[in-house]
């Protein structure tokens, strides 16, 4: 089983949105997939409760129980586990980072998100891991995304002097699209709500990239 951790010390970065969308993409691809929700707000678990479909499986858990939950997922035949984390819990984030084969950091191209990303990178480096930033909620027009990429590179470069592993940036950007909001409200994802839409296409591209990154 492969494990992906979705982390960010900034609230509202899009962790749960990315988690559930990648999990559904994996299910569509025929993979047995589990979402592990470590956030006390249980947003992913609430989304799972509102779904008509039984997949993906969604488990709400405490960080201390993560190894046991991952073991249970393996024993139940899961191919993929995606961990959704809380923004303000260093313990949960570190547990997810240490368990993960791939770490994704969703980040909006906004100044507060970019200022906060250093704290997230610090946690990744503390665990001697690498991570990939996924630009999320990118406006359809303007240069904010390009400016954000440059800011992230500068931040990573500055941190690399003391923590050489650093981060990379995913080649696919996720746009600011209404389908993400409307689909989650309905207990779905963009792929299910609007299968031929731009949001579904972007998630599919991120999913394919993720699979390549996981090997």
N, C-alpha and C. Protein backbone atom coordinates (compact mmCIF):
# COMPACT_ATOMS: atom_id res chain seq x y z
N UNK A 1 0.83 -1.20 0.00
CA UNK A 1 0.00 0.00 0.00
C UNK A 1 0.86 1.25 0.00
N UNK A 2 0.50 2.23 -0.81
CA UNK A 2 1.17 3.52 -0.82
C UNK A 2 0.40 4.50 0.06
N UNK A 3 1.13 5.42 0.68
CA UNK A 3 0.52 6.39 1.58
C UNK A 3 0.90 7.80 1.17
N UNK A 4 -0.11 8.66 1.05
CA UNK A 4 0.09 10.06 0.69
C UNK A 4 -0.40 10.93 1.85
N UNK A 5 0.41 11.89 2.27
CA UNK A 5 0.02 12.84 3.32
C UNK A 5 -0.24 14.20 2.69
N UNK A 6 -1.37 14.80 3.05
CA UNK A 6 -1.71 16.16 2.61
C UNK A 6 -1.55 17.06 3.82
N UNK A 7 -0.58 17.97 3.77
CA UNK A 7 -0.28 18.77 4.96
C UNK A 7 -0.20 20.25 4.62
N UNK A 8 -0.50 21.09 5.60
CA UNK A 8 -0.26 22.53 5.53
C UNK A 8 -0.55 23.10 6.91
N UNK A 9 0.34 23.96 7.38
CA UNK A 9 0.11 24.61 8.67
C UNK A 9 -0.89 25.75 8.54
N UNK A 10 -1.30 26.06 7.31
CA UNK A 10 -2.25 27.16 7.06
C UNK A 10 -3.64 26.59 6.86
N UNK A 11 -4.60 27.06 7.64
CA UNK A 11 -5.98 26.66 7.43
C UNK A 11 -6.52 27.21 6.13
N UNK A 12 -7.44 26.48 5.51
CA UNK A 12 -8.06 26.95 4.28
C UNK A 12 -7.21 26.81 3.04
N UNK A 13 -6.16 26.00 3.13
CA UNK A 13 -5.27 25.84 1.97
C UNK A 13 -5.84 24.88 0.94
N UNK A 14 -6.81 24.08 1.34
CA UNK A 14 -7.43 23.12 0.41
C UNK A 14 -7.02 21.69 0.64
N UNK A 15 -6.60 21.36 1.87
CA UNK A 15 -6.14 20.00 2.16
C UNK A 15 -7.25 18.97 1.95
N UNK A 16 -8.42 19.22 2.54
CA UNK A 16 -9.51 18.25 2.44
C UNK A 16 -10.01 18.14 1.00
N UNK A 17 -10.11 19.25 0.31
CA UNK A 17 -10.54 19.22 -1.09
C UNK A 17 -9.60 18.36 -1.92
N UNK A 18 -8.30 18.56 -1.75
CA UNK A 18 -7.33 17.76 -2.51
C UNK A 18 -7.39 16.30 -2.09
N UNK A 19 -7.54 16.05 -0.80
CA UNK A 19 -7.60 14.67 -0.29
C UNK A 19 -8.74 13.89 -0.93
N UNK A 20 -9.95 14.43 -0.84
CA UNK A 20 -11.10 13.65 -1.30
C UNK A 20 -11.10 13.52 -2.82
N UNK A 21 -10.64 14.54 -3.52
CA UNK A 21 -10.62 14.46 -4.98
C UNK A 21 -9.60 13.43 -5.48
N UNK A 22 -8.43 13.40 -4.86
CA UNK A 22 -7.45 12.39 -5.27
C UNK A 22 -7.92 10.99 -4.89
N UNK A 23 -8.60 10.88 -3.76
CA UNK A 23 -9.11 9.56 -3.34
C UNK A 23 -10.15 9.05 -4.32
N UNK A 24 -11.06 9.90 -4.75
CA UNK A 24 -12.09 9.48 -5.72
C UNK A 24 -11.44 9.16 -7.06
N UNK A 25 -10.43 9.94 -7.46
CA UNK A 25 -9.72 9.64 -8.71
C UNK A 25 -9.11 8.24 -8.65
N UNK A 26 -8.56 7.88 -7.48
CA UNK A 26 -7.98 6.55 -7.31
C UNK A 26 -9.05 5.47 -7.38
N UNK A 27 -10.21 5.75 -6.79
CA UNK A 27 -11.31 4.77 -6.85
C UNK A 27 -11.78 4.57 -8.29
N UNK A 28 -11.89 5.66 -9.04
CA UNK A 28 -12.29 5.57 -10.44
C UNK A 28 -11.27 4.74 -11.21
N UNK A 29 -10.02 4.82 -10.79
CA UNK A 29 -8.93 4.08 -11.43
C UNK A 29 -8.88 2.62 -10.97
N UNK A 30 -9.81 2.24 -10.12
CA UNK A 30 -9.89 0.85 -9.68
C UNK A 30 -9.05 0.50 -8.47
N UNK A 31 -8.56 1.51 -7.76
CA UNK A 31 -7.73 1.25 -6.59
C UNK A 31 -8.57 1.28 -5.31
N UNK A 32 -8.34 0.29 -4.45
CA UNK A 32 -8.96 0.31 -3.13
C UNK A 32 -8.31 1.43 -2.33
N UNK A 33 -9.11 2.40 -1.93
CA UNK A 33 -8.56 3.63 -1.36
C UNK A 33 -9.21 3.96 -0.03
N UNK A 34 -8.38 4.41 0.92
CA UNK A 34 -8.86 4.83 2.23
C UNK A 34 -8.42 6.27 2.49
N UNK A 35 -9.33 7.07 3.01
CA UNK A 35 -8.99 8.40 3.51
C UNK A 35 -8.90 8.29 5.03
N UNK A 36 -7.80 8.80 5.57
CA UNK A 36 -7.63 8.83 7.02
C UNK A 36 -7.65 10.29 7.46
N UNK A 37 -8.67 10.65 8.22
CA UNK A 37 -8.90 12.04 8.62
C UNK A 37 -8.34 12.26 10.02
N UNK A 38 -7.21 12.98 10.11
CA UNK A 38 -6.59 13.28 11.41
C UNK A 38 -7.01 14.64 11.96
N UNK A 39 -7.85 15.36 11.22
CA UNK A 39 -8.27 16.69 11.64
C UNK A 39 -9.45 16.57 12.62
N UNK A 40 -9.35 17.16 13.83
CA UNK A 40 -10.47 17.09 14.79
C UNK A 40 -11.77 17.67 14.22
N UNK A 41 -11.67 18.59 13.24
CA UNK A 41 -12.89 19.11 12.62
C UNK A 41 -13.58 18.08 11.74
N UNK A 42 -12.85 17.03 11.36
CA UNK A 42 -13.40 15.88 10.63
C UNK A 42 -14.15 16.29 9.36
N UNK A 43 -13.58 17.21 8.60
CA UNK A 43 -14.24 17.65 7.36
C UNK A 43 -14.32 16.52 6.34
N UNK A 44 -13.25 15.77 6.19
CA UNK A 44 -13.27 14.65 5.24
C UNK A 44 -14.26 13.58 5.69
N UNK A 45 -14.30 13.31 6.99
CA UNK A 45 -15.24 12.31 7.51
C UNK A 45 -16.68 12.77 7.29
N UNK A 46 -16.93 14.07 7.48
CA UNK A 46 -18.27 14.61 7.24
C UNK A 46 -18.67 14.49 5.79
N UNK A 47 -17.71 14.75 4.90
CA UNK A 47 -17.97 14.56 3.47
C UNK A 47 -18.30 13.11 3.18
N UNK A 48 -17.56 12.19 3.79
CA UNK A 48 -17.82 10.77 3.60
C UNK A 48 -19.21 10.37 4.08
N UNK A 49 -19.64 10.96 5.19
CA UNK A 49 -20.98 10.67 5.73
C UNK A 49 -22.08 11.13 4.78
N UNK A 50 -21.80 12.18 4.01
CA UNK A 50 -22.83 12.74 3.13
C UNK A 50 -22.88 12.06 1.76
N UNK A 51 -21.96 11.13 1.51
CA UNK A 51 -21.92 10.46 0.21
C UNK A 51 -22.93 9.31 0.11
N UNK A 52 -23.42 9.11 -1.09
CA UNK A 52 -24.26 7.95 -1.36
C UNK A 52 -23.40 6.73 -1.65
N UNK A 53 -22.22 6.96 -2.24
CA UNK A 53 -21.31 5.86 -2.55
C UNK A 53 -20.58 5.41 -1.28
N UNK A 54 -20.22 4.14 -1.26
CA UNK A 54 -19.51 3.59 -0.10
C UNK A 54 -18.00 3.75 -0.21
N UNK A 55 -17.51 4.15 -1.37
CA UNK A 55 -16.09 4.35 -1.57
C UNK A 55 -15.83 5.81 -1.92
N UNK A 56 -14.65 6.31 -1.50
CA UNK A 56 -13.61 5.64 -0.72
C UNK A 56 -14.00 5.51 0.75
N UNK A 57 -13.38 4.56 1.43
CA UNK A 57 -13.58 4.43 2.87
C UNK A 57 -12.96 5.64 3.56
N UNK A 58 -13.67 6.19 4.54
CA UNK A 58 -13.15 7.35 5.29
C UNK A 58 -13.13 6.99 6.76
N UNK A 59 -11.95 7.14 7.38
CA UNK A 59 -11.77 6.80 8.79
C UNK A 59 -11.28 8.03 9.53
N UNK A 60 -11.98 8.41 10.59
CA UNK A 60 -11.53 9.49 11.44
C UNK A 60 -10.67 8.90 12.57
N UNK A 61 -9.49 9.47 12.78
CA UNK A 61 -8.57 8.88 13.76
C UNK A 61 -7.72 9.94 14.42
N UNK A 62 -7.14 9.58 15.56
CA UNK A 62 -6.16 10.44 16.22
C UNK A 62 -4.77 10.08 15.72
N UNK A 63 -3.87 11.06 15.79
CA UNK A 63 -2.52 10.86 15.27
C UNK A 63 -1.82 9.67 15.92
N UNK A 64 -2.06 9.48 17.22
CA UNK A 64 -1.41 8.37 17.93
C UNK A 64 -1.86 7.02 17.41
N UNK A 65 -3.02 6.96 16.78
CA UNK A 65 -3.56 5.71 16.26
C UNK A 65 -3.21 5.46 14.80
N UNK A 66 -2.50 6.40 14.17
CA UNK A 66 -2.25 6.31 12.75
C UNK A 66 -1.58 5.00 12.32
N UNK A 67 -0.52 4.55 13.00
CA UNK A 67 0.09 3.27 12.58
C UNK A 67 -0.90 2.11 12.58
N UNK A 68 -1.77 2.05 13.58
CA UNK A 68 -2.75 0.96 13.65
C UNK A 68 -3.80 1.08 12.54
N UNK A 69 -4.20 2.32 12.24
CA UNK A 69 -5.19 2.54 11.19
C UNK A 69 -4.60 2.17 9.83
N UNK A 70 -3.35 2.54 9.60
CA UNK A 70 -2.69 2.17 8.34
C UNK A 70 -2.53 0.65 8.24
N UNK A 71 -2.21 0.01 9.34
CA UNK A 71 -2.09 -1.45 9.35
C UNK A 71 -3.42 -2.10 9.00
N UNK A 72 -4.51 -1.55 9.56
CA UNK A 72 -5.85 -2.09 9.26
C UNK A 72 -6.19 -1.89 7.78
N UNK A 73 -5.78 -0.75 7.22
CA UNK A 73 -6.03 -0.50 5.80
C UNK A 73 -5.31 -1.53 4.94
N UNK A 74 -4.08 -1.84 5.28
CA UNK A 74 -3.32 -2.86 4.55
C UNK A 74 -4.02 -4.21 4.66
N UNK A 75 -4.43 -4.56 5.86
CA UNK A 75 -5.08 -5.86 6.09
C UNK A 75 -6.42 -5.97 5.36
N UNK A 76 -7.04 -4.82 5.08
CA UNK A 76 -8.32 -4.82 4.36
C UNK A 76 -8.14 -4.67 2.86
N UNK A 77 -6.89 -4.76 2.40
CA UNK A 77 -6.63 -4.78 0.97
C UNK A 77 -6.52 -3.43 0.29
N UNK A 78 -6.28 -2.37 1.05
CA UNK A 78 -6.17 -1.04 0.45
C UNK A 78 -4.91 -0.94 -0.40
N UNK A 79 -5.05 -0.29 -1.55
CA UNK A 79 -3.90 0.01 -2.40
C UNK A 79 -3.30 1.36 -2.08
N UNK A 80 -4.13 2.26 -1.57
CA UNK A 80 -3.72 3.64 -1.35
C UNK A 80 -4.40 4.20 -0.11
N UNK A 81 -3.63 4.91 0.72
CA UNK A 81 -4.20 5.65 1.85
C UNK A 81 -3.79 7.11 1.69
N UNK A 82 -4.76 8.00 1.85
CA UNK A 82 -4.48 9.44 1.78
C UNK A 82 -4.85 10.04 3.13
N UNK A 83 -3.89 10.73 3.74
CA UNK A 83 -4.08 11.26 5.08
C UNK A 83 -4.36 12.76 5.01
N UNK A 84 -5.49 13.16 5.57
CA UNK A 84 -5.85 14.57 5.69
C UNK A 84 -5.48 15.03 7.10
N UNK A 85 -4.79 16.16 7.20
CA UNK A 85 -4.27 16.59 8.50
C UNK A 85 -4.87 17.92 8.94
N UNK A 86 -4.72 18.20 10.22
CA UNK A 86 -5.19 19.47 10.78
C UNK A 86 -4.13 20.55 10.59
N UNK A 87 -4.53 21.80 10.35
CA UNK A 87 -3.55 22.85 10.10
C UNK A 87 -2.73 23.24 11.32
N UNK A 88 -3.29 23.11 12.50
CA UNK A 88 -2.61 23.63 13.69
C UNK A 88 -2.10 22.54 14.63
N UNK A 89 -2.03 21.32 14.14
CA UNK A 89 -1.54 20.21 14.96
C UNK A 89 -0.21 19.71 14.42
N UNK A 90 0.86 20.10 15.07
CA UNK A 90 2.18 19.64 14.64
C UNK A 90 2.31 18.14 14.81
N UNK A 91 1.70 17.60 15.87
CA UNK A 91 1.78 16.16 16.14
C UNK A 91 1.15 15.35 15.00
N UNK A 92 -0.03 15.76 14.57
CA UNK A 92 -0.72 15.04 13.49
C UNK A 92 0.04 15.17 12.19
N UNK A 93 0.53 16.37 11.91
CA UNK A 93 1.27 16.58 10.66
C UNK A 93 2.54 15.74 10.62
N UNK A 94 3.28 15.72 11.73
CA UNK A 94 4.51 14.93 11.77
C UNK A 94 4.23 13.44 11.64
N UNK A 95 3.17 12.97 12.29
CA UNK A 95 2.81 11.55 12.18
C UNK A 95 2.50 11.19 10.73
N UNK A 96 1.77 12.06 10.05
CA UNK A 96 1.43 11.81 8.65
C UNK A 96 2.67 11.87 7.76
N UNK A 97 3.52 12.85 8.00
CA UNK A 97 4.75 13.00 7.22
C UNK A 97 5.62 11.75 7.33
N UNK A 98 5.78 11.26 8.54
CA UNK A 98 6.67 10.11 8.77
C UNK A 98 6.10 8.83 8.18
N UNK A 99 4.78 8.76 8.04
CA UNK A 99 4.16 7.55 7.50
C UNK A 99 4.07 7.56 5.98
N UNK A 100 4.32 8.72 5.35
CA UNK A 100 3.97 8.90 3.95
C UNK A 100 5.08 8.50 2.99
N UNK A 101 4.65 7.97 1.85
CA UNK A 101 5.55 7.75 0.71
C UNK A 101 5.64 9.01 -0.15
N UNK A 102 4.61 9.85 -0.07
CA UNK A 102 4.57 11.10 -0.83
C UNK A 102 3.87 12.14 0.02
N UNK A 103 4.44 13.35 0.08
CA UNK A 103 3.88 14.44 0.88
C UNK A 103 3.50 15.58 -0.05
N UNK A 104 2.24 16.00 0.02
CA UNK A 104 1.76 17.10 -0.80
C UNK A 104 1.36 18.27 0.08
N UNK A 105 1.75 19.47 -0.34
CA UNK A 105 1.43 20.69 0.40
C UNK A 105 0.58 21.58 -0.50
N UNK A 106 -0.75 21.59 -0.32
CA UNK A 106 -1.56 22.51 -1.11
C UNK A 106 -1.30 23.94 -0.65
N UNK A 107 -1.24 24.86 -1.61
CA UNK A 107 -0.94 26.26 -1.28
C UNK A 107 -1.67 27.18 -2.25
N UNK A 108 -2.43 28.10 -1.72
CA UNK A 108 -3.07 29.10 -2.56
C UNK A 108 -2.06 30.19 -2.92
N UNK A 109 -2.18 30.79 -4.08
CA UNK A 109 -1.25 31.86 -4.45
C UNK A 109 -1.63 33.18 -3.79
N UNK A 110 -1.59 33.20 -2.45
CA UNK A 110 -1.96 34.37 -1.66
C UNK A 110 -0.87 34.62 -0.63
N UNK A 111 -0.71 35.84 -0.23
CA UNK A 111 0.43 36.23 0.60
C UNK A 111 0.44 35.49 1.94
N UNK A 112 -0.72 35.30 2.57
CA UNK A 112 -0.74 34.63 3.87
C UNK A 112 -0.34 33.17 3.74
N UNK A 113 -0.77 32.52 2.68
CA UNK A 113 -0.39 31.13 2.45
C UNK A 113 1.10 31.02 2.19
N UNK A 114 1.64 31.93 1.40
CA UNK A 114 3.06 31.89 1.06
C UNK A 114 3.92 32.18 2.28
N UNK A 115 3.44 33.06 3.15
CA UNK A 115 4.19 33.34 4.39
C UNK A 115 4.20 32.13 5.31
N UNK A 116 3.09 31.37 5.29
CA UNK A 116 2.96 30.23 6.21
C UNK A 116 3.67 28.98 5.72
N UNK A 117 4.02 28.93 4.44
CA UNK A 117 4.53 27.67 3.90
C UNK A 117 5.88 27.29 4.50
N UNK A 118 6.63 28.28 4.98
CA UNK A 118 7.91 27.97 5.62
C UNK A 118 7.75 27.06 6.82
N UNK A 119 6.68 27.28 7.61
CA UNK A 119 6.44 26.43 8.79
C UNK A 119 6.18 24.98 8.37
N UNK A 120 5.46 24.82 7.27
CA UNK A 120 5.16 23.47 6.78
C UNK A 120 6.44 22.79 6.28
N UNK A 121 7.24 23.53 5.54
CA UNK A 121 8.51 22.98 5.05
C UNK A 121 9.42 22.61 6.21
N UNK A 122 9.40 23.41 7.27
CA UNK A 122 10.20 23.09 8.46
C UNK A 122 9.84 21.72 9.02
N UNK A 123 8.53 21.41 9.06
CA UNK A 123 8.09 20.11 9.58
C UNK A 123 8.59 18.97 8.69
N UNK A 124 8.50 19.18 7.38
CA UNK A 124 8.98 18.17 6.44
C UNK A 124 10.46 17.92 6.64
N UNK A 125 11.22 18.98 6.78
CA UNK A 125 12.66 18.84 6.98
C UNK A 125 12.98 18.22 8.33
N UNK A 126 12.17 18.51 9.34
CA UNK A 126 12.37 17.93 10.66
C UNK A 126 12.30 16.40 10.60
N UNK A 127 11.45 15.90 9.72
CA UNK A 127 11.30 14.45 9.54
C UNK A 127 12.24 13.89 8.48
N UNK A 128 13.12 14.75 7.95
CA UNK A 128 14.08 14.33 6.91
C UNK A 128 13.37 13.74 5.70
N UNK A 129 12.31 14.40 5.28
CA UNK A 129 11.54 13.98 4.11
C UNK A 129 11.57 15.07 3.05
N UNK A 130 11.06 14.75 1.87
CA UNK A 130 10.85 15.74 0.82
C UNK A 130 9.35 15.90 0.60
N UNK A 131 8.97 17.01 -0.02
CA UNK A 131 7.55 17.27 -0.25
C UNK A 131 7.38 18.03 -1.56
N UNK A 132 6.14 18.03 -2.04
CA UNK A 132 5.80 18.75 -3.27
C UNK A 132 4.65 19.70 -2.99
N UNK A 133 4.82 20.94 -3.41
CA UNK A 133 3.77 21.94 -3.28
C UNK A 133 2.83 21.84 -4.48
N UNK A 134 1.53 21.83 -4.20
CA UNK A 134 0.51 21.84 -5.25
C UNK A 134 -0.22 23.18 -5.18
N UNK A 135 -0.03 24.02 -6.20
CA UNK A 135 -0.74 25.29 -6.22
C UNK A 135 -2.23 25.06 -6.42
N UNK A 136 -3.02 25.68 -5.54
CA UNK A 136 -4.44 25.41 -5.47
C UNK A 136 -5.23 26.72 -5.53
N UNK A 137 -6.45 26.65 -6.05
CA UNK A 137 -7.33 27.82 -6.15
C UNK A 137 -6.66 28.96 -6.91
N UNK A 138 -6.03 28.61 -8.02
CA UNK A 138 -5.34 29.59 -8.84
C UNK A 138 -6.36 30.37 -9.68
N UNK A 139 -6.34 31.71 -9.62
CA UNK A 139 -7.29 32.49 -10.42
C UNK A 139 -7.08 32.23 -11.92
N UNK A 140 -8.16 32.31 -12.71
CA UNK A 140 -8.04 32.02 -14.14
C UNK A 140 -7.22 33.05 -14.91
N UNK A 141 -7.08 34.25 -14.35
CA UNK A 141 -6.31 35.29 -15.03
C UNK A 141 -5.30 35.90 -14.07
N UNK A 142 -4.28 36.53 -14.66
CA UNK A 142 -3.28 37.21 -13.85
C UNK A 142 -2.03 36.38 -13.64
N UNK A 143 -1.07 36.99 -12.95
CA UNK A 143 0.25 36.37 -12.78
C UNK A 143 0.49 35.85 -11.38
N UNK A 144 -0.57 35.75 -10.56
CA UNK A 144 -0.39 35.34 -9.17
C UNK A 144 0.29 33.99 -9.05
N UNK A 145 -0.07 33.04 -9.90
CA UNK A 145 0.49 31.69 -9.80
C UNK A 145 1.99 31.72 -10.08
N UNK A 146 2.40 32.44 -11.12
CA UNK A 146 3.83 32.52 -11.43
C UNK A 146 4.60 33.21 -10.31
N UNK A 147 4.01 34.24 -9.73
CA UNK A 147 4.64 34.94 -8.61
C UNK A 147 4.74 34.01 -7.40
N UNK A 148 3.71 33.20 -7.19
CA UNK A 148 3.73 32.26 -6.07
C UNK A 148 4.83 31.22 -6.25
N UNK A 149 4.98 30.71 -7.46
CA UNK A 149 6.04 29.73 -7.74
C UNK A 149 7.41 30.32 -7.40
N UNK A 150 7.63 31.55 -7.82
CA UNK A 150 8.91 32.19 -7.53
C UNK A 150 9.11 32.40 -6.03
N UNK A 151 8.03 32.78 -5.32
CA UNK A 151 8.13 32.97 -3.88
C UNK A 151 8.44 31.66 -3.16
N UNK A 152 7.81 30.58 -3.60
CA UNK A 152 8.05 29.27 -2.99
C UNK A 152 9.49 28.83 -3.25
N UNK A 153 9.96 29.05 -4.45
CA UNK A 153 11.36 28.68 -4.77
C UNK A 153 12.35 29.47 -3.93
N UNK A 154 12.08 30.75 -3.72
CA UNK A 154 12.96 31.57 -2.90
C UNK A 154 12.93 31.11 -1.44
N UNK A 155 11.73 30.79 -0.96
CA UNK A 155 11.60 30.31 0.42
C UNK A 155 12.33 28.98 0.59
N UNK A 156 12.14 28.07 -0.36
CA UNK A 156 12.81 26.77 -0.29
C UNK A 156 14.32 26.93 -0.37
N UNK A 157 14.76 27.85 -1.23
CA UNK A 157 16.20 28.08 -1.38
C UNK A 157 16.81 28.61 -0.10
N UNK A 158 16.08 29.51 0.58
CA UNK A 158 16.58 30.06 1.84
C UNK A 158 16.65 28.99 2.92
N UNK A 159 15.65 28.12 2.95
CA UNK A 159 15.64 27.07 3.96
C UNK A 159 16.66 25.98 3.67
N UNK A 160 17.00 25.82 2.38
CA UNK A 160 17.90 24.74 1.99
C UNK A 160 19.29 24.89 2.61
N UNK A 161 19.64 26.11 2.96
CA UNK A 161 20.95 26.33 3.58
C UNK A 161 21.06 25.59 4.91
N UNK A 162 19.92 25.44 5.60
CA UNK A 162 19.95 24.74 6.89
C UNK A 162 19.23 23.40 6.82
N UNK A 163 18.43 23.19 5.76
CA UNK A 163 17.67 21.94 5.59
C UNK A 163 17.68 21.59 4.11
N UNK A 164 18.65 20.81 3.67
CA UNK A 164 18.91 20.65 2.24
C UNK A 164 17.86 19.89 1.44
N UNK A 165 16.94 19.18 2.07
CA UNK A 165 16.00 18.38 1.29
C UNK A 165 14.99 19.25 0.54
N UNK A 166 14.45 20.27 1.22
CA UNK A 166 13.60 21.23 0.54
C UNK A 166 12.33 20.66 -0.04
N UNK A 167 11.76 21.39 -1.01
CA UNK A 167 10.51 21.00 -1.65
C UNK A 167 10.60 21.21 -3.15
N UNK A 168 9.70 20.55 -3.86
CA UNK A 168 9.54 20.80 -5.29
C UNK A 168 8.13 21.34 -5.51
N UNK A 169 7.83 21.70 -6.75
CA UNK A 169 6.51 22.24 -7.09
C UNK A 169 5.88 21.37 -8.16
N UNK A 170 4.66 20.94 -7.93
CA UNK A 170 3.97 20.07 -8.89
C UNK A 170 3.77 20.80 -10.21
N UNK A 171 3.87 20.09 -11.33
CA UNK A 171 3.75 20.74 -12.63
C UNK A 171 2.31 21.11 -13.00
N UNK A 172 1.33 20.63 -12.25
CA UNK A 172 -0.07 20.94 -12.55
C UNK A 172 -0.62 21.87 -11.49
N UNK A 173 -1.34 22.88 -11.92
CA UNK A 173 -1.98 23.82 -11.01
C UNK A 173 -3.48 23.57 -10.99
N UNK A 174 -4.08 23.72 -9.82
CA UNK A 174 -5.52 23.52 -9.67
C UNK A 174 -6.19 24.89 -9.63
N UNK A 175 -7.15 25.09 -10.52
CA UNK A 175 -7.80 26.39 -10.65
C UNK A 175 -8.84 26.65 -9.58
N UNK A 176 -9.22 27.92 -9.49
CA UNK A 176 -10.28 28.35 -8.59
C UNK A 176 -11.60 28.15 -9.33
N UNK A 177 -12.27 27.03 -9.04
CA UNK A 177 -13.43 26.64 -9.84
C UNK A 177 -14.62 26.30 -8.95
N UNK A 178 -15.80 26.74 -9.39
CA UNK A 178 -17.02 26.54 -8.61
C UNK A 178 -17.35 25.07 -8.43
N UNK A 179 -16.94 24.22 -9.37
CA UNK A 179 -17.26 22.79 -9.29
C UNK A 179 -16.70 22.15 -8.02
N UNK A 180 -15.58 22.64 -7.54
CA UNK A 180 -15.01 22.08 -6.31
C UNK A 180 -15.95 22.34 -5.13
N UNK A 181 -16.47 23.55 -5.03
CA UNK A 181 -17.36 23.91 -3.92
C UNK A 181 -18.69 23.18 -4.04
N UNK A 182 -19.31 23.24 -5.20
CA UNK A 182 -20.63 22.64 -5.37
C UNK A 182 -20.60 21.12 -5.19
N UNK A 183 -19.55 20.49 -5.67
CA UNK A 183 -19.48 19.03 -5.59
C UNK A 183 -19.34 18.56 -4.14
N UNK A 184 -18.51 19.22 -3.36
CA UNK A 184 -18.32 18.82 -1.97
C UNK A 184 -19.59 18.99 -1.17
N UNK A 185 -20.34 20.05 -1.45
CA UNK A 185 -21.61 20.27 -0.77
C UNK A 185 -22.57 19.11 -1.01
N UNK A 186 -22.47 18.52 -2.19
CA UNK A 186 -23.36 17.41 -2.56
C UNK A 186 -22.79 16.04 -2.18
N UNK A 187 -21.67 16.03 -1.43
CA UNK A 187 -21.05 14.76 -1.07
C UNK A 187 -20.39 14.07 -2.24
N UNK A 188 -19.95 14.86 -3.21
CA UNK A 188 -19.31 14.33 -4.40
C UNK A 188 -17.94 14.99 -4.58
N UNK A 189 -17.34 14.75 -5.73
CA UNK A 189 -16.16 15.48 -6.15
C UNK A 189 -16.41 16.01 -7.56
N UNK A 190 -15.51 16.85 -8.04
CA UNK A 190 -15.71 17.47 -9.35
C UNK A 190 -15.82 16.43 -10.46
N UNK A 191 -15.09 15.30 -10.31
CA UNK A 191 -15.15 14.25 -11.33
C UNK A 191 -16.57 13.67 -11.45
N UNK A 192 -17.27 13.63 -10.33
CA UNK A 192 -18.62 13.06 -10.30
C UNK A 192 -19.67 14.13 -10.63
N UNK A 193 -19.44 15.33 -10.15
CA UNK A 193 -20.39 16.42 -10.31
C UNK A 193 -20.40 16.98 -11.73
N UNK A 194 -19.20 17.13 -12.29
CA UNK A 194 -19.06 17.70 -13.63
C UNK A 194 -17.90 16.97 -14.33
N UNK A 195 -18.14 15.73 -14.78
CA UNK A 195 -17.05 14.87 -15.25
C UNK A 195 -16.25 15.43 -16.43
N UNK A 196 -16.87 16.29 -17.23
CA UNK A 196 -16.18 16.82 -18.40
C UNK A 196 -15.66 18.24 -18.17
N UNK A 197 -15.73 18.71 -16.94
CA UNK A 197 -15.32 20.07 -16.63
C UNK A 197 -13.83 20.23 -16.42
N UNK A 198 -13.40 21.48 -16.33
CA UNK A 198 -11.99 21.80 -16.13
C UNK A 198 -11.47 21.28 -14.78
N UNK A 199 -12.29 21.39 -13.75
CA UNK A 199 -11.87 20.93 -12.43
C UNK A 199 -11.55 19.44 -12.45
N UNK A 200 -12.43 18.65 -13.05
CA UNK A 200 -12.21 17.21 -13.15
C UNK A 200 -10.95 16.90 -13.94
N UNK A 201 -10.72 17.66 -15.00
CA UNK A 201 -9.53 17.46 -15.83
C UNK A 201 -8.25 17.74 -15.04
N UNK A 202 -8.26 18.82 -14.27
CA UNK A 202 -7.08 19.17 -13.48
C UNK A 202 -6.78 18.12 -12.41
N UNK A 203 -7.82 17.65 -11.75
CA UNK A 203 -7.62 16.62 -10.73
C UNK A 203 -7.06 15.34 -11.36
N UNK A 204 -7.57 14.99 -12.51
CA UNK A 204 -7.07 13.79 -13.18
C UNK A 204 -5.59 13.94 -13.52
N UNK A 205 -5.19 15.13 -13.94
CA UNK A 205 -3.79 15.37 -14.24
C UNK A 205 -2.92 15.29 -12.99
N UNK A 206 -3.41 15.85 -11.88
CA UNK A 206 -2.67 15.74 -10.62
C UNK A 206 -2.58 14.29 -10.17
N UNK A 207 -3.69 13.57 -10.34
CA UNK A 207 -3.69 12.16 -9.95
C UNK A 207 -2.67 11.35 -10.75
N UNK A 208 -2.63 11.57 -12.07
CA UNK A 208 -1.65 10.86 -12.90
C UNK A 208 -0.24 11.20 -12.48
N UNK A 209 0.00 12.48 -12.21
CA UNK A 209 1.33 12.88 -11.74
C UNK A 209 1.65 12.21 -10.41
N UNK A 210 0.67 12.15 -9.50
CA UNK A 210 0.87 11.52 -8.20
C UNK A 210 1.24 10.05 -8.35
N UNK A 211 0.55 9.35 -9.23
CA UNK A 211 0.85 7.94 -9.46
C UNK A 211 2.27 7.75 -9.96
N UNK A 212 2.70 8.63 -10.86
CA UNK A 212 4.09 8.56 -11.36
C UNK A 212 5.07 8.83 -10.22
N UNK A 213 4.75 9.79 -9.37
CA UNK A 213 5.64 10.13 -8.26
C UNK A 213 5.75 8.98 -7.25
N UNK A 214 4.64 8.24 -7.10
CA UNK A 214 4.64 7.11 -6.18
C UNK A 214 5.33 5.88 -6.78
N UNK A 215 5.52 5.91 -8.09
CA UNK A 215 6.18 4.79 -8.75
C UNK A 215 5.29 3.59 -8.94
